[in-house]
Amino acid sequence: MKMLRIPSSGLTLVLGFVFLAASWPKLQFPYEFLSGVYSYELLGPVTGLYAAALLPWLELIVGLCLVVGMFVQGALVIANTLCFLFVLVQCWALEQGLQISCSCFGSGGGMVSYATLLRTLVL
């Protein structure tokens, strides 16, 4: 039974670090991330502003919870929900033919493509 817990904990830790890594550039360069949010053409000015202001902090909190082992079940639910929503948003961008940055890790996330979609699905 302990053999099953070790990989699970390791994967949780990796996911936590991914969320921390994703939040950091968005917190450092909030206007760049706001531009990325608007480039998906899904949210209006006010809703996009709120999303760009709240998402990096939510990613940071979820990442910290997963890394330090606090509220892990809740953090995993939120992490999975965020990943699922991001899959939907990337599918939308691909369907619309948008040639935009995914803004996953700030400006370093790459363009929205099937590769970025697959990366999000793996998470």
N, C-alpha and C. Protein backbone atom coordinates (compact mmCIF):
# COMPACT_ATOMS: atom_id res chain seq x y z
N MET A 1 0.81 -1.19 0.00
CA MET A 1 0.00 0.00 0.00
C MET A 1 0.86 1.26 0.00
N LYS A 2 1.98 1.25 0.68
CA LYS A 2 2.85 2.43 0.71
C LYS A 2 3.44 2.73 -0.67
N MET A 3 3.62 1.71 -1.49
CA MET A 3 4.18 1.91 -2.83
C MET A 3 3.25 2.81 -3.65
N LEU A 4 1.95 2.74 -3.42
CA LEU A 4 1.01 3.58 -4.16
C LEU A 4 1.04 5.01 -3.69
N ARG A 5 1.35 5.24 -2.44
CA ARG A 5 1.37 6.59 -1.89
C ARG A 5 2.57 7.39 -2.36
N ILE A 6 3.70 6.75 -2.55
CA ILE A 6 4.91 7.48 -2.92
C ILE A 6 4.77 8.14 -4.29
N PRO A 7 4.39 7.42 -5.36
CA PRO A 7 4.21 8.10 -6.64
C PRO A 7 3.12 9.16 -6.59
N SER A 8 2.05 8.87 -5.86
CA SER A 8 0.97 9.84 -5.75
C SER A 8 1.49 11.14 -5.14
N SER A 9 2.26 11.03 -4.07
CA SER A 9 2.82 12.21 -3.43
C SER A 9 3.81 12.91 -4.35
N GLY A 10 4.60 12.12 -5.07
CA GLY A 10 5.55 12.70 -6.01
C GLY A 10 4.87 13.45 -7.13
N LEU A 11 3.80 12.88 -7.67
CA LEU A 11 3.06 13.56 -8.73
C LEU A 11 2.39 14.82 -8.22
N THR A 12 1.90 14.77 -7.00
CA THR A 12 1.28 15.95 -6.39
C THR A 12 2.32 17.04 -6.23
N LEU A 13 3.50 16.67 -5.82
CA LEU A 13 4.59 17.63 -5.66
C LEU A 13 4.98 18.24 -7.00
N VAL A 14 5.09 17.42 -8.03
CA VAL A 14 5.42 17.92 -9.37
C VAL A 14 4.35 18.88 -9.86
N LEU A 15 3.09 18.51 -9.68
CA LEU A 15 1.99 19.39 -10.10
C LEU A 15 2.05 20.72 -9.34
N GLY A 16 2.37 20.65 -8.06
CA GLY A 16 2.50 21.87 -7.27
C GLY A 16 3.58 22.78 -7.81
N PHE A 17 4.74 22.20 -8.15
CA PHE A 17 5.82 23.02 -8.71
C PHE A 17 5.46 23.57 -10.09
N VAL A 18 4.70 22.83 -10.87
CA VAL A 18 4.25 23.33 -12.17
C VAL A 18 3.36 24.55 -11.97
N PHE A 19 2.45 24.47 -11.01
CA PHE A 19 1.56 25.60 -10.75
C PHE A 19 2.34 26.79 -10.21
N LEU A 20 3.34 26.55 -9.37
CA LEU A 20 4.18 27.64 -8.88
C LEU A 20 4.94 28.29 -10.04
N ALA A 21 5.50 27.46 -10.90
CA ALA A 21 6.25 27.97 -12.05
C ALA A 21 5.35 28.74 -13.01
N ALA A 22 4.11 28.31 -13.13
CA ALA A 22 3.17 29.00 -14.02
C ALA A 22 2.72 30.33 -13.44
N SER A 23 2.61 30.41 -12.12
CA SER A 23 2.11 31.64 -11.50
C SER A 23 3.16 32.75 -11.47
N TRP A 24 4.41 32.38 -11.30
CA TRP A 24 5.45 33.39 -11.07
C TRP A 24 5.58 34.43 -12.19
N PRO A 25 5.73 34.05 -13.46
CA PRO A 25 5.85 35.09 -14.50
C PRO A 25 4.59 35.93 -14.65
N LYS A 26 3.44 35.34 -14.37
CA LYS A 26 2.18 36.09 -14.46
C LYS A 26 2.11 37.15 -13.37
N LEU A 27 2.66 36.83 -12.20
CA LEU A 27 2.69 37.79 -11.10
C LEU A 27 3.74 38.86 -11.34
N GLN A 28 4.83 38.51 -11.99
CA GLN A 28 5.88 39.48 -12.28
C GLN A 28 5.49 40.45 -13.39
N PHE A 29 4.75 39.96 -14.37
CA PHE A 29 4.39 40.77 -15.53
C PHE A 29 2.87 40.71 -15.73
N PRO A 30 2.10 41.34 -14.85
CA PRO A 30 0.64 41.20 -14.91
C PRO A 30 0.01 41.78 -16.17
N TYR A 31 0.58 42.86 -16.71
CA TYR A 31 -0.03 43.44 -17.91
C TYR A 31 0.18 42.55 -19.12
N GLU A 32 1.31 41.87 -19.15
CA GLU A 32 1.57 40.92 -20.23
C GLU A 32 0.56 39.76 -20.17
N PHE A 33 0.31 39.29 -18.94
CA PHE A 33 -0.68 38.21 -18.79
C PHE A 33 -2.07 38.71 -19.14
N LEU A 34 -2.41 39.93 -18.75
CA LEU A 34 -3.71 40.51 -19.10
C LEU A 34 -3.87 40.55 -20.62
N SER A 35 -2.83 40.93 -21.32
CA SER A 35 -2.87 40.93 -22.78
C SER A 35 -3.12 39.52 -23.31
N GLY A 36 -2.47 38.54 -22.69
CA GLY A 36 -2.68 37.14 -23.09
C GLY A 36 -4.11 36.69 -22.86
N VAL A 37 -4.70 37.10 -21.75
CA VAL A 37 -6.10 36.75 -21.46
C VAL A 37 -7.01 37.35 -22.52
N TYR A 38 -6.79 38.62 -22.84
CA TYR A 38 -7.62 39.27 -23.85
C TYR A 38 -7.44 38.66 -25.24
N SER A 39 -6.25 38.12 -25.52
CA SER A 39 -6.00 37.58 -26.86
C SER A 39 -6.85 36.35 -27.17
N TYR A 40 -7.37 35.68 -26.14
CA TYR A 40 -8.25 34.53 -26.38
C TYR A 40 -9.63 34.96 -26.87
N GLU A 41 -9.97 36.23 -26.71
CA GLU A 41 -11.23 36.79 -27.21
C GLU A 41 -12.46 36.09 -26.62
N LEU A 42 -12.36 35.68 -25.36
CA LEU A 42 -13.48 35.03 -24.69
C LEU A 42 -14.13 35.90 -23.62
N LEU A 43 -13.34 36.78 -23.03
CA LEU A 43 -13.83 37.59 -21.91
C LEU A 43 -13.85 39.06 -22.27
N GLY A 44 -14.79 39.76 -21.68
CA GLY A 44 -14.86 41.19 -21.87
C GLY A 44 -13.79 41.90 -21.07
N PRO A 45 -13.74 43.23 -21.16
CA PRO A 45 -12.69 44.00 -20.48
C PRO A 45 -12.67 43.80 -18.96
N VAL A 46 -13.82 43.88 -18.33
CA VAL A 46 -13.87 43.79 -16.87
C VAL A 46 -13.63 42.35 -16.41
N THR A 47 -14.30 41.40 -17.03
CA THR A 47 -14.13 39.99 -16.67
C THR A 47 -12.70 39.53 -16.93
N GLY A 48 -12.12 39.96 -18.04
CA GLY A 48 -10.73 39.62 -18.35
C GLY A 48 -9.77 40.19 -17.33
N LEU A 49 -10.04 41.41 -16.88
CA LEU A 49 -9.20 42.04 -15.86
C LEU A 49 -9.26 41.25 -14.56
N TYR A 50 -10.46 40.86 -14.15
CA TYR A 50 -10.59 40.06 -12.93
C TYR A 50 -9.90 38.71 -13.07
N ALA A 51 -10.07 38.07 -14.22
CA ALA A 51 -9.43 36.76 -14.45
C ALA A 51 -7.91 36.90 -14.39
N ALA A 52 -7.38 37.92 -15.05
CA ALA A 52 -5.92 38.11 -15.07
C ALA A 52 -5.38 38.49 -13.70
N ALA A 53 -6.19 39.13 -12.89
CA ALA A 53 -5.75 39.51 -11.55
C ALA A 53 -5.82 38.33 -10.58
N LEU A 54 -6.82 37.47 -10.73
CA LEU A 54 -7.04 36.40 -9.76
C LEU A 54 -6.34 35.08 -10.10
N LEU A 55 -6.28 34.72 -11.37
CA LEU A 55 -5.72 33.42 -11.75
C LEU A 55 -4.29 33.18 -11.27
N PRO A 56 -3.37 34.13 -11.42
CA PRO A 56 -2.01 33.86 -10.95
C PRO A 56 -1.94 33.61 -9.44
N TRP A 57 -2.74 34.35 -8.69
CA TRP A 57 -2.75 34.15 -7.23
C TRP A 57 -3.36 32.80 -6.87
N LEU A 58 -4.39 32.41 -7.60
CA LEU A 58 -5.00 31.10 -7.36
C LEU A 58 -4.00 29.99 -7.69
N GLU A 59 -3.27 30.14 -8.80
CA GLU A 59 -2.25 29.16 -9.16
C GLU A 59 -1.15 29.09 -8.08
N LEU A 60 -0.76 30.24 -7.57
CA LEU A 60 0.27 30.29 -6.53
C LEU A 60 -0.20 29.57 -5.27
N ILE A 61 -1.42 29.86 -4.84
CA ILE A 61 -1.96 29.24 -3.62
C ILE A 61 -2.11 27.73 -3.81
N VAL A 62 -2.64 27.32 -4.94
CA VAL A 62 -2.80 25.88 -5.22
C VAL A 62 -1.43 25.20 -5.25
N GLY A 63 -0.47 25.82 -5.91
CA GLY A 63 0.88 25.26 -5.97
C GLY A 63 1.50 25.12 -4.59
N LEU A 64 1.37 26.15 -3.77
CA LEU A 64 1.90 26.09 -2.41
C LEU A 64 1.24 25.00 -1.59
N CYS A 65 -0.08 24.90 -1.70
CA CYS A 65 -0.80 23.86 -0.96
C CYS A 65 -0.32 22.47 -1.36
N LEU A 66 -0.12 22.25 -2.64
CA LEU A 66 0.32 20.93 -3.11
C LEU A 66 1.76 20.64 -2.68
N VAL A 67 2.61 21.65 -2.69
CA VAL A 67 4.02 21.44 -2.33
C VAL A 67 4.18 21.20 -0.83
N VAL A 68 3.47 21.98 -0.01
CA VAL A 68 3.64 21.83 1.44
C VAL A 68 2.71 20.78 2.03
N GLY A 69 1.76 20.28 1.24
CA GLY A 69 0.89 19.20 1.70
C GLY A 69 -0.29 19.65 2.53
N MET A 70 -0.73 20.89 2.37
CA MET A 70 -1.91 21.39 3.09
C MET A 70 -3.11 21.44 2.14
N PHE A 71 -4.24 21.02 2.63
CA PHE A 71 -5.49 21.07 1.84
C PHE A 71 -5.29 20.44 0.46
N VAL A 72 -4.59 19.32 0.42
CA VAL A 72 -4.20 18.70 -0.85
C VAL A 72 -5.41 18.30 -1.69
N GLN A 73 -6.41 17.70 -1.07
CA GLN A 73 -7.58 17.28 -1.86
C GLN A 73 -8.28 18.47 -2.50
N GLY A 74 -8.48 19.53 -1.75
CA GLY A 74 -9.10 20.73 -2.30
C GLY A 74 -8.25 21.37 -3.38
N ALA A 75 -6.93 21.40 -3.13
CA ALA A 75 -6.02 21.98 -4.11
C ALA A 75 -6.02 21.16 -5.40
N LEU A 76 -6.11 19.84 -5.28
CA LEU A 76 -6.17 18.99 -6.48
C LEU A 76 -7.45 19.21 -7.26
N VAL A 77 -8.55 19.41 -6.56
CA VAL A 77 -9.82 19.69 -7.24
C VAL A 77 -9.71 21.00 -8.02
N ILE A 78 -9.15 22.02 -7.38
CA ILE A 78 -9.00 23.32 -8.05
C ILE A 78 -8.02 23.21 -9.22
N ALA A 79 -6.90 22.49 -9.01
CA ALA A 79 -5.91 22.32 -10.08
C ALA A 79 -6.52 21.61 -11.28
N ASN A 80 -7.27 20.54 -11.02
CA ASN A 80 -7.92 19.82 -12.12
C ASN A 80 -8.95 20.68 -12.82
N THR A 81 -9.68 21.47 -12.06
CA THR A 81 -10.68 22.37 -12.66
C THR A 81 -10.00 23.41 -13.54
N LEU A 82 -8.91 23.99 -13.05
CA LEU A 82 -8.18 24.98 -13.84
C LEU A 82 -7.62 24.36 -15.12
N CYS A 83 -7.05 23.17 -15.00
CA CYS A 83 -6.52 22.49 -16.19
C CYS A 83 -7.63 22.18 -17.19
N PHE A 84 -8.77 21.70 -16.69
CA PHE A 84 -9.90 21.40 -17.57
C PHE A 84 -10.38 22.67 -18.29
N LEU A 85 -10.51 23.76 -17.56
CA LEU A 85 -10.94 25.01 -18.18
C LEU A 85 -9.93 25.49 -19.22
N PHE A 86 -8.65 25.30 -18.91
CA PHE A 86 -7.62 25.73 -19.85
C PHE A 86 -7.62 24.87 -21.10
N VAL A 87 -7.94 23.58 -20.96
CA VAL A 87 -8.09 22.72 -22.13
C VAL A 87 -9.22 23.25 -23.01
N LEU A 88 -10.35 23.60 -22.39
CA LEU A 88 -11.48 24.15 -23.15
C LEU A 88 -11.10 25.45 -23.86
N VAL A 89 -10.37 26.31 -23.17
CA VAL A 89 -9.97 27.60 -23.74
C VAL A 89 -9.01 27.38 -24.91
N GLN A 90 -8.07 26.45 -24.76
CA GLN A 90 -7.15 26.18 -25.85
C GLN A 90 -7.88 25.56 -27.05
N CYS A 91 -8.84 24.67 -26.78
CA CYS A 91 -9.65 24.11 -27.87
C CYS A 91 -10.39 25.21 -28.61
N TRP A 92 -10.91 26.17 -27.87
CA TRP A 92 -11.60 27.32 -28.46
C TRP A 92 -10.65 28.09 -29.37
N ALA A 93 -9.45 28.38 -28.87
CA ALA A 93 -8.47 29.14 -29.65
C ALA A 93 -8.08 28.38 -30.92
N LEU A 94 -7.88 27.07 -30.81
CA LEU A 94 -7.54 26.27 -31.99
C LEU A 94 -8.68 26.25 -32.99
N GLU A 95 -9.90 26.11 -32.49
CA GLU A 95 -11.08 26.09 -33.37
C GLU A 95 -11.25 27.41 -34.10
N GLN A 96 -10.94 28.51 -33.41
CA GLN A 96 -11.09 29.84 -34.01
C GLN A 96 -9.92 30.21 -34.91
N GLY A 97 -8.87 29.38 -34.87
CA GLY A 97 -7.69 29.67 -35.69
C GLY A 97 -6.85 30.81 -35.15
N LEU A 98 -6.92 31.07 -33.86
CA LEU A 98 -6.16 32.16 -33.26
C LEU A 98 -4.68 31.77 -33.18
N GLN A 99 -3.83 32.64 -33.64
CA GLN A 99 -2.38 32.45 -33.57
C GLN A 99 -1.88 33.29 -32.40
N ILE A 100 -2.02 32.75 -31.18
CA ILE A 100 -1.71 33.50 -29.97
C ILE A 100 -0.82 32.67 -29.04
N SER A 101 -0.18 33.39 -28.13
CA SER A 101 0.60 32.72 -27.09
C SER A 101 -0.36 32.06 -26.11
N CYS A 102 0.00 30.89 -25.62
CA CYS A 102 -0.89 30.21 -24.67
C CYS A 102 -0.90 30.92 -23.32
N SER A 103 0.14 31.69 -23.02
CA SER A 103 0.27 32.41 -21.75
C SER A 103 0.30 31.47 -20.55
N CYS A 104 0.68 30.23 -20.77
CA CYS A 104 0.73 29.23 -19.69
C CYS A 104 1.76 29.60 -18.64
N PHE A 105 2.94 29.95 -19.10
CA PHE A 105 4.04 30.31 -18.22
C PHE A 105 4.50 31.72 -18.57
N GLY A 106 3.56 32.64 -18.58
CA GLY A 106 3.86 33.99 -19.02
C GLY A 106 4.06 33.99 -20.53
N SER A 107 5.04 34.75 -20.98
CA SER A 107 5.28 34.82 -22.42
C SER A 107 6.06 33.61 -22.93
N GLY A 108 6.59 32.78 -22.01
CA GLY A 108 7.40 31.65 -22.42
C GLY A 108 6.63 30.35 -22.63
N GLY A 109 5.32 30.42 -22.70
CA GLY A 109 4.53 29.20 -22.82
C GLY A 109 4.41 28.66 -24.23
N GLY A 110 4.75 29.45 -25.23
CA GLY A 110 4.62 29.01 -26.61
C GLY A 110 3.25 29.36 -27.18
N MET A 111 3.13 29.15 -28.47
CA MET A 111 1.87 29.43 -29.15
C MET A 111 0.87 28.31 -28.87
N VAL A 112 -0.40 28.67 -28.88
CA VAL A 112 -1.44 27.66 -28.70
C VAL A 112 -1.35 26.68 -29.86
N SER A 113 -1.22 25.41 -29.52
CA SER A 113 -1.09 24.37 -30.53
C SER A 113 -1.59 23.07 -29.91
N TYR A 114 -1.57 22.05 -30.73
CA TYR A 114 -1.95 20.74 -30.19
C TYR A 114 -0.93 20.25 -29.17
N ALA A 115 0.31 20.72 -29.28
CA ALA A 115 1.34 20.35 -28.29
C ALA A 115 1.04 20.98 -26.93
N THR A 116 0.64 22.26 -26.91
CA THR A 116 0.30 22.88 -25.62
C THR A 116 -0.98 22.27 -25.06
N LEU A 117 -1.88 21.91 -25.94
CA LEU A 117 -3.11 21.23 -25.49
C LEU A 117 -2.77 19.88 -24.87
N LEU A 118 -1.90 19.14 -25.50
CA LEU A 118 -1.49 17.84 -24.96
C LEU A 118 -0.78 18.01 -23.61
N ARG A 119 0.06 19.02 -23.50
CA ARG A 119 0.77 19.29 -22.25
C ARG A 119 -0.23 19.56 -21.12
N THR A 120 -1.27 20.31 -21.41
CA THR A 120 -2.29 20.60 -20.40
C THR A 120 -3.07 19.35 -20.06
N LEU A 121 -3.37 18.53 -21.05
CA LEU A 121 -4.08 17.27 -20.78
C LEU A 121 -3.26 16.34 -19.90
N VAL A 122 -1.95 16.33 -20.09
CA VAL A 122 -1.09 15.49 -19.25
C VAL A 122 -1.16 15.92 -17.79
N LEU A 123 -1.23 17.22 -17.56
CA LEU A 123 -1.36 17.72 -16.18
C LEU A 123 -2.67 17.25 -15.59
